[in-house]
């Protein structure tokens, strides 16, 4: 299993680590929070999760710094939510190493 956390190519180790930063993803910012040493309890008994094995929790929150009404944000809420979701997905996959991503065995839909 691949277990590493690094910032600017420097490995960070510790039993419990918490990192929070904001990443600019125009026209949004994405707050990134990473917590290691998290024990996950399963709500679905079909999932093979061992609650005794610590894992890593990644939280991405996308937001705009401006007042929404001033820029017509709410008038185009669907488009803005779709764009925010796309920006979060792009960042999420950039954060994963390719070798780790392959272990998840992703399946992609055809775009066409």
N, C-alpha and C. Protein backbone atom coordinates (compact mmCIF):
# COMPACT_ATOMS: atom_id res chain seq x y z
N UNK A 1 0.85 -1.17 0.00
CA UNK A 1 0.00 0.00 0.00
C UNK A 1 0.89 1.24 0.00
N UNK A 2 0.47 2.26 -0.73
CA UNK A 2 1.22 3.50 -0.84
C UNK A 2 0.74 4.44 0.25
N UNK A 3 1.66 4.89 1.09
CA UNK A 3 1.31 5.83 2.15
C UNK A 3 2.41 6.88 2.26
N UNK A 4 2.13 8.02 1.70
CA UNK A 4 3.08 9.12 1.87
C UNK A 4 2.33 10.42 1.72
N UNK A 5 2.82 11.40 2.43
CA UNK A 5 2.28 12.75 2.35
C UNK A 5 3.47 13.65 2.15
N UNK A 6 3.40 14.49 1.11
CA UNK A 6 4.52 15.38 0.86
C UNK A 6 4.02 16.75 0.44
N UNK A 7 4.82 17.75 0.76
CA UNK A 7 4.56 19.11 0.36
C UNK A 7 5.82 19.61 -0.31
N UNK A 8 5.68 20.11 -1.54
CA UNK A 8 6.82 20.59 -2.32
C UNK A 8 7.90 19.51 -2.39
N UNK A 9 7.49 18.28 -2.63
CA UNK A 9 8.37 17.11 -2.76
C UNK A 9 9.13 16.77 -1.48
N UNK A 10 8.70 17.30 -0.35
CA UNK A 10 9.31 16.94 0.94
C UNK A 10 8.32 16.06 1.70
N UNK A 11 8.76 14.85 2.05
CA UNK A 11 7.89 13.94 2.78
C UNK A 11 7.60 14.47 4.17
N UNK A 12 6.36 14.27 4.59
CA UNK A 12 5.94 14.66 5.94
C UNK A 12 5.49 13.39 6.63
N UNK A 13 6.05 13.12 7.79
CA UNK A 13 5.62 11.92 8.50
C UNK A 13 5.23 12.30 9.92
N UNK A 14 4.35 11.53 10.46
CA UNK A 14 3.86 11.74 11.81
C UNK A 14 2.64 10.87 12.00
N UNK A 15 2.36 10.51 13.22
CA UNK A 15 1.19 9.66 13.46
C UNK A 15 -0.10 10.39 13.12
N UNK A 16 -0.16 11.65 13.46
CA UNK A 16 -1.34 12.45 13.16
C UNK A 16 -0.87 13.81 12.64
N UNK A 17 -1.19 14.08 11.39
CA UNK A 17 -0.79 15.32 10.75
C UNK A 17 -2.03 16.02 10.21
N UNK A 18 -2.08 17.34 10.36
CA UNK A 18 -3.18 18.13 9.82
C UNK A 18 -2.58 19.28 9.03
N UNK A 19 -2.96 19.39 7.77
CA UNK A 19 -2.48 20.46 6.90
C UNK A 19 -3.68 21.13 6.25
N UNK A 20 -3.68 22.46 6.23
CA UNK A 20 -4.74 23.21 5.56
C UNK A 20 -4.09 24.32 4.75
N UNK A 21 -4.55 24.46 3.52
CA UNK A 21 -4.05 25.52 2.65
C UNK A 21 -5.16 25.91 1.67
N UNK A 22 -5.00 27.04 1.03
CA UNK A 22 -5.93 27.47 -0.01
C UNK A 22 -5.18 27.50 -1.33
N UNK A 23 -5.80 26.95 -2.37
CA UNK A 23 -5.20 26.88 -3.70
C UNK A 23 -6.05 27.73 -4.64
N UNK A 24 -5.41 28.59 -5.42
CA UNK A 24 -6.12 29.42 -6.38
C UNK A 24 -6.48 28.58 -7.59
N UNK A 25 -7.76 28.55 -7.93
CA UNK A 25 -8.27 27.82 -9.09
C UNK A 25 -9.29 28.73 -9.78
N UNK A 26 -8.82 29.72 -10.54
CA UNK A 26 -9.69 30.76 -11.07
C UNK A 26 -10.98 30.22 -11.68
N UNK A 27 -12.10 30.82 -11.37
CA UNK A 27 -12.33 32.02 -10.57
C UNK A 27 -12.57 31.72 -9.09
N UNK A 28 -12.17 30.53 -8.64
CA UNK A 28 -12.41 30.10 -7.27
C UNK A 28 -11.12 29.96 -6.48
N UNK A 29 -11.27 29.71 -5.22
CA UNK A 29 -10.20 29.20 -4.36
C UNK A 29 -10.70 27.88 -3.81
N UNK A 30 -9.77 26.95 -3.59
CA UNK A 30 -10.13 25.66 -3.01
C UNK A 30 -9.35 25.49 -1.72
N UNK A 31 -10.07 25.36 -0.63
CA UNK A 31 -9.42 25.08 0.65
C UNK A 31 -9.18 23.58 0.71
N UNK A 32 -7.93 23.21 0.94
CA UNK A 32 -7.52 21.80 0.99
C UNK A 32 -7.15 21.48 2.42
N UNK A 33 -7.77 20.44 2.96
CA UNK A 33 -7.43 19.96 4.30
C UNK A 33 -7.05 18.49 4.20
N UNK A 34 -5.91 18.14 4.78
CA UNK A 34 -5.45 16.75 4.80
C UNK A 34 -5.19 16.39 6.25
N UNK A 35 -5.78 15.28 6.68
CA UNK A 35 -5.58 14.79 8.03
C UNK A 35 -5.17 13.33 7.94
N UNK A 36 -4.06 12.97 8.59
CA UNK A 36 -3.63 11.58 8.61
C UNK A 36 -3.94 10.97 9.97
N UNK A 37 -3.87 9.66 10.03
CA UNK A 37 -4.13 8.96 11.28
C UNK A 37 -5.60 8.88 11.63
N UNK A 38 -6.46 8.98 10.62
CA UNK A 38 -7.91 8.98 10.83
C UNK A 38 -8.41 7.54 10.80
N UNK A 39 -9.25 7.18 11.76
CA UNK A 39 -9.88 5.86 11.74
C UNK A 39 -11.30 6.03 11.24
N UNK A 40 -11.62 5.27 10.21
CA UNK A 40 -12.91 5.40 9.54
C UNK A 40 -13.84 4.29 10.02
N UNK A 41 -15.04 4.67 10.38
CA UNK A 41 -16.05 3.67 10.70
C UNK A 41 -16.96 3.52 9.50
N UNK A 42 -17.36 2.34 9.24
CA UNK A 42 -18.16 2.11 8.03
C UNK A 42 -19.64 2.17 8.32
N UNK A 43 -20.35 2.82 7.41
CA UNK A 43 -21.79 2.87 7.52
C UNK A 43 -22.43 1.85 6.58
N UNK A 44 -21.63 1.31 5.67
CA UNK A 44 -22.11 0.30 4.73
C UNK A 44 -21.38 -1.00 5.02
N UNK A 45 -22.07 -2.01 5.55
CA UNK A 45 -21.40 -3.26 5.91
C UNK A 45 -20.82 -4.02 4.72
N UNK A 46 -21.17 -3.64 3.49
CA UNK A 46 -20.63 -4.30 2.30
C UNK A 46 -19.21 -3.84 1.98
N UNK A 47 -18.81 -2.70 2.54
CA UNK A 47 -17.46 -2.19 2.28
C UNK A 47 -16.46 -2.88 3.19
N UNK A 48 -15.31 -3.18 2.64
CA UNK A 48 -14.27 -3.84 3.42
C UNK A 48 -13.36 -2.79 4.06
N UNK A 49 -13.84 -2.20 5.15
CA UNK A 49 -13.06 -1.18 5.85
C UNK A 49 -12.72 -1.71 7.23
N UNK A 50 -11.44 -1.71 7.54
CA UNK A 50 -11.00 -2.14 8.87
C UNK A 50 -10.90 -0.90 9.74
N UNK A 51 -11.77 -0.73 10.74
CA UNK A 51 -11.75 0.47 11.58
C UNK A 51 -10.50 0.60 12.44
N UNK A 52 -9.66 -0.44 12.47
CA UNK A 52 -8.43 -0.38 13.26
C UNK A 52 -7.23 0.11 12.46
N UNK A 53 -7.42 0.27 11.16
CA UNK A 53 -6.33 0.72 10.30
C UNK A 53 -6.52 2.21 10.01
N UNK A 54 -5.57 3.05 10.44
CA UNK A 54 -5.72 4.49 10.20
C UNK A 54 -5.54 4.82 8.72
N UNK A 55 -6.23 5.87 8.30
CA UNK A 55 -6.14 6.31 6.91
C UNK A 55 -5.94 7.80 6.83
N UNK A 56 -6.17 8.35 5.66
CA UNK A 56 -6.01 9.77 5.41
C UNK A 56 -7.33 10.35 4.92
N UNK A 57 -7.69 11.50 5.45
CA UNK A 57 -8.91 12.19 5.06
C UNK A 57 -8.52 13.44 4.28
N UNK A 58 -9.10 13.60 3.08
CA UNK A 58 -8.84 14.76 2.23
C UNK A 58 -10.17 15.48 2.03
N UNK A 59 -10.19 16.77 2.36
CA UNK A 59 -11.40 17.58 2.21
C UNK A 59 -11.07 18.74 1.28
N UNK A 60 -11.91 18.93 0.25
CA UNK A 60 -11.76 20.05 -0.68
C UNK A 60 -13.02 20.89 -0.62
N UNK A 61 -12.87 22.18 -0.31
CA UNK A 61 -13.98 23.12 -0.26
C UNK A 61 -13.71 24.24 -1.25
N UNK A 62 -14.58 24.38 -2.24
CA UNK A 62 -14.41 25.38 -3.28
C UNK A 62 -15.28 26.60 -2.97
N UNK A 63 -14.71 27.81 -3.12
CA UNK A 63 -15.46 29.02 -2.80
C UNK A 63 -14.94 30.21 -3.60
N UNK A 64 -15.74 31.28 -3.58
CA UNK A 64 -15.35 32.56 -4.18
C UNK A 64 -15.23 33.59 -3.08
N UNK A 65 -14.29 34.48 -3.20
CA UNK A 65 -14.08 35.53 -2.19
C UNK A 65 -15.05 36.70 -2.34
N UNK A 66 -15.67 36.84 -3.47
CA UNK A 66 -16.51 38.01 -3.71
C UNK A 66 -17.94 37.78 -3.24
N UNK A 67 -18.66 38.86 -3.10
CA UNK A 67 -20.07 38.76 -2.76
C UNK A 67 -20.81 38.23 -3.98
N UNK A 68 -21.52 37.13 -3.83
CA UNK A 68 -22.13 36.42 -4.95
C UNK A 68 -23.10 37.29 -5.74
N UNK A 69 -23.92 38.04 -5.08
CA UNK A 69 -24.95 38.82 -5.78
C UNK A 69 -24.37 39.90 -6.68
N UNK A 70 -23.23 40.45 -6.32
CA UNK A 70 -22.64 41.53 -7.11
C UNK A 70 -22.17 41.06 -8.48
N UNK A 71 -21.80 39.81 -8.61
CA UNK A 71 -21.26 39.33 -9.88
C UNK A 71 -22.27 38.48 -10.66
N UNK A 72 -23.52 38.45 -10.24
CA UNK A 72 -24.51 37.62 -10.92
C UNK A 72 -24.31 36.14 -10.69
N UNK A 73 -23.62 35.82 -9.62
CA UNK A 73 -23.29 34.42 -9.32
C UNK A 73 -24.54 33.56 -9.20
N UNK A 74 -25.54 34.04 -8.50
CA UNK A 74 -26.74 33.24 -8.26
C UNK A 74 -27.58 33.06 -9.53
N UNK A 75 -27.51 34.02 -10.44
CA UNK A 75 -28.27 33.89 -11.68
C UNK A 75 -27.74 32.74 -12.54
N UNK A 76 -26.47 32.41 -12.35
CA UNK A 76 -25.84 31.32 -13.10
C UNK A 76 -25.36 30.23 -12.14
N UNK A 77 -26.18 29.93 -11.11
CA UNK A 77 -25.74 29.01 -10.06
C UNK A 77 -25.39 27.63 -10.60
N UNK A 78 -26.18 27.10 -11.53
CA UNK A 78 -25.89 25.76 -12.07
C UNK A 78 -24.52 25.73 -12.73
N UNK A 79 -24.25 26.71 -13.59
CA UNK A 79 -22.97 26.76 -14.29
C UNK A 79 -21.82 26.94 -13.30
N UNK A 80 -22.02 27.79 -12.29
CA UNK A 80 -20.97 28.02 -11.30
C UNK A 80 -20.70 26.78 -10.46
N UNK A 81 -21.75 26.05 -10.08
CA UNK A 81 -21.55 24.81 -9.32
C UNK A 81 -20.84 23.75 -10.15
N UNK A 82 -21.20 23.65 -11.42
CA UNK A 82 -20.52 22.69 -12.30
C UNK A 82 -19.04 23.04 -12.44
N UNK A 83 -18.74 24.32 -12.62
CA UNK A 83 -17.35 24.75 -12.76
C UNK A 83 -16.58 24.50 -11.46
N UNK A 84 -17.19 24.80 -10.33
CA UNK A 84 -16.53 24.54 -9.03
C UNK A 84 -16.24 23.06 -8.86
N UNK A 85 -17.19 22.21 -9.23
CA UNK A 85 -16.99 20.77 -9.12
C UNK A 85 -15.86 20.30 -10.03
N UNK A 86 -15.80 20.84 -11.23
CA UNK A 86 -14.73 20.49 -12.16
C UNK A 86 -13.37 20.90 -11.60
N UNK A 87 -13.30 22.12 -11.04
CA UNK A 87 -12.03 22.60 -10.46
C UNK A 87 -11.58 21.70 -9.31
N UNK A 88 -12.53 21.25 -8.47
CA UNK A 88 -12.19 20.36 -7.36
C UNK A 88 -11.67 19.02 -7.88
N UNK A 89 -12.33 18.47 -8.91
CA UNK A 89 -11.88 17.18 -9.46
C UNK A 89 -10.48 17.32 -10.06
N UNK A 90 -10.22 18.40 -10.77
CA UNK A 90 -8.90 18.60 -11.36
C UNK A 90 -7.83 18.63 -10.27
N UNK A 91 -8.09 19.37 -9.20
CA UNK A 91 -7.13 19.44 -8.11
C UNK A 91 -6.96 18.09 -7.43
N UNK A 92 -8.07 17.40 -7.16
CA UNK A 92 -8.00 16.10 -6.50
C UNK A 92 -7.07 15.15 -7.25
N UNK A 93 -7.24 15.05 -8.56
CA UNK A 93 -6.42 14.11 -9.32
C UNK A 93 -4.98 14.58 -9.46
N UNK A 94 -4.73 15.88 -9.40
CA UNK A 94 -3.35 16.37 -9.40
C UNK A 94 -2.65 16.03 -8.10
N UNK A 95 -3.40 15.89 -7.01
CA UNK A 95 -2.80 15.59 -5.71
C UNK A 95 -2.37 14.13 -5.58
N UNK A 96 -2.94 13.25 -6.39
CA UNK A 96 -2.62 11.83 -6.30
C UNK A 96 -1.44 11.48 -7.20
N UNK A 97 -0.56 10.63 -6.70
CA UNK A 97 0.51 10.12 -7.54
C UNK A 97 -0.08 9.09 -8.49
N UNK A 98 0.46 9.05 -9.70
CA UNK A 98 -0.05 8.15 -10.74
C UNK A 98 -0.02 6.69 -10.27
N UNK A 99 1.02 6.26 -9.59
CA UNK A 99 1.11 4.87 -9.13
C UNK A 99 0.00 4.54 -8.12
N UNK A 100 -0.35 5.51 -7.27
CA UNK A 100 -1.44 5.29 -6.33
C UNK A 100 -2.79 5.26 -7.05
N UNK A 101 -2.97 6.17 -8.00
CA UNK A 101 -4.22 6.22 -8.75
C UNK A 101 -4.48 4.89 -9.45
N UNK A 102 -3.44 4.27 -9.99
CA UNK A 102 -3.61 2.97 -10.67
C UNK A 102 -4.12 1.90 -9.71
N UNK A 103 -3.74 1.96 -8.43
CA UNK A 103 -4.20 0.95 -7.47
C UNK A 103 -5.70 1.06 -7.21
N UNK A 104 -6.30 2.22 -7.50
CA UNK A 104 -7.73 2.40 -7.31
C UNK A 104 -8.55 1.84 -8.48
N UNK A 105 -7.87 1.51 -9.57
CA UNK A 105 -8.49 0.94 -10.76
C UNK A 105 -9.68 1.78 -11.25
N UNK A 106 -9.43 3.05 -11.59
CA UNK A 106 -10.54 3.91 -12.04
C UNK A 106 -11.11 3.43 -13.37
N UNK A 107 -12.39 3.68 -13.54
CA UNK A 107 -13.07 3.40 -14.81
C UNK A 107 -13.65 4.72 -15.30
N UNK A 108 -13.33 5.05 -16.55
CA UNK A 108 -13.74 6.32 -17.11
C UNK A 108 -14.84 6.11 -18.15
N UNK A 109 -15.80 7.02 -18.16
CA UNK A 109 -16.84 6.99 -19.18
C UNK A 109 -16.29 7.62 -20.44
N UNK A 110 -16.78 7.17 -21.59
CA UNK A 110 -16.39 7.80 -22.86
C UNK A 110 -17.03 9.17 -22.94
N UNK A 111 -16.25 10.15 -23.32
CA UNK A 111 -16.75 11.52 -23.41
C UNK A 111 -17.68 11.70 -24.60
N UNK A 112 -17.59 10.85 -25.59
CA UNK A 112 -18.34 11.04 -26.82
C UNK A 112 -19.64 10.36 -26.78
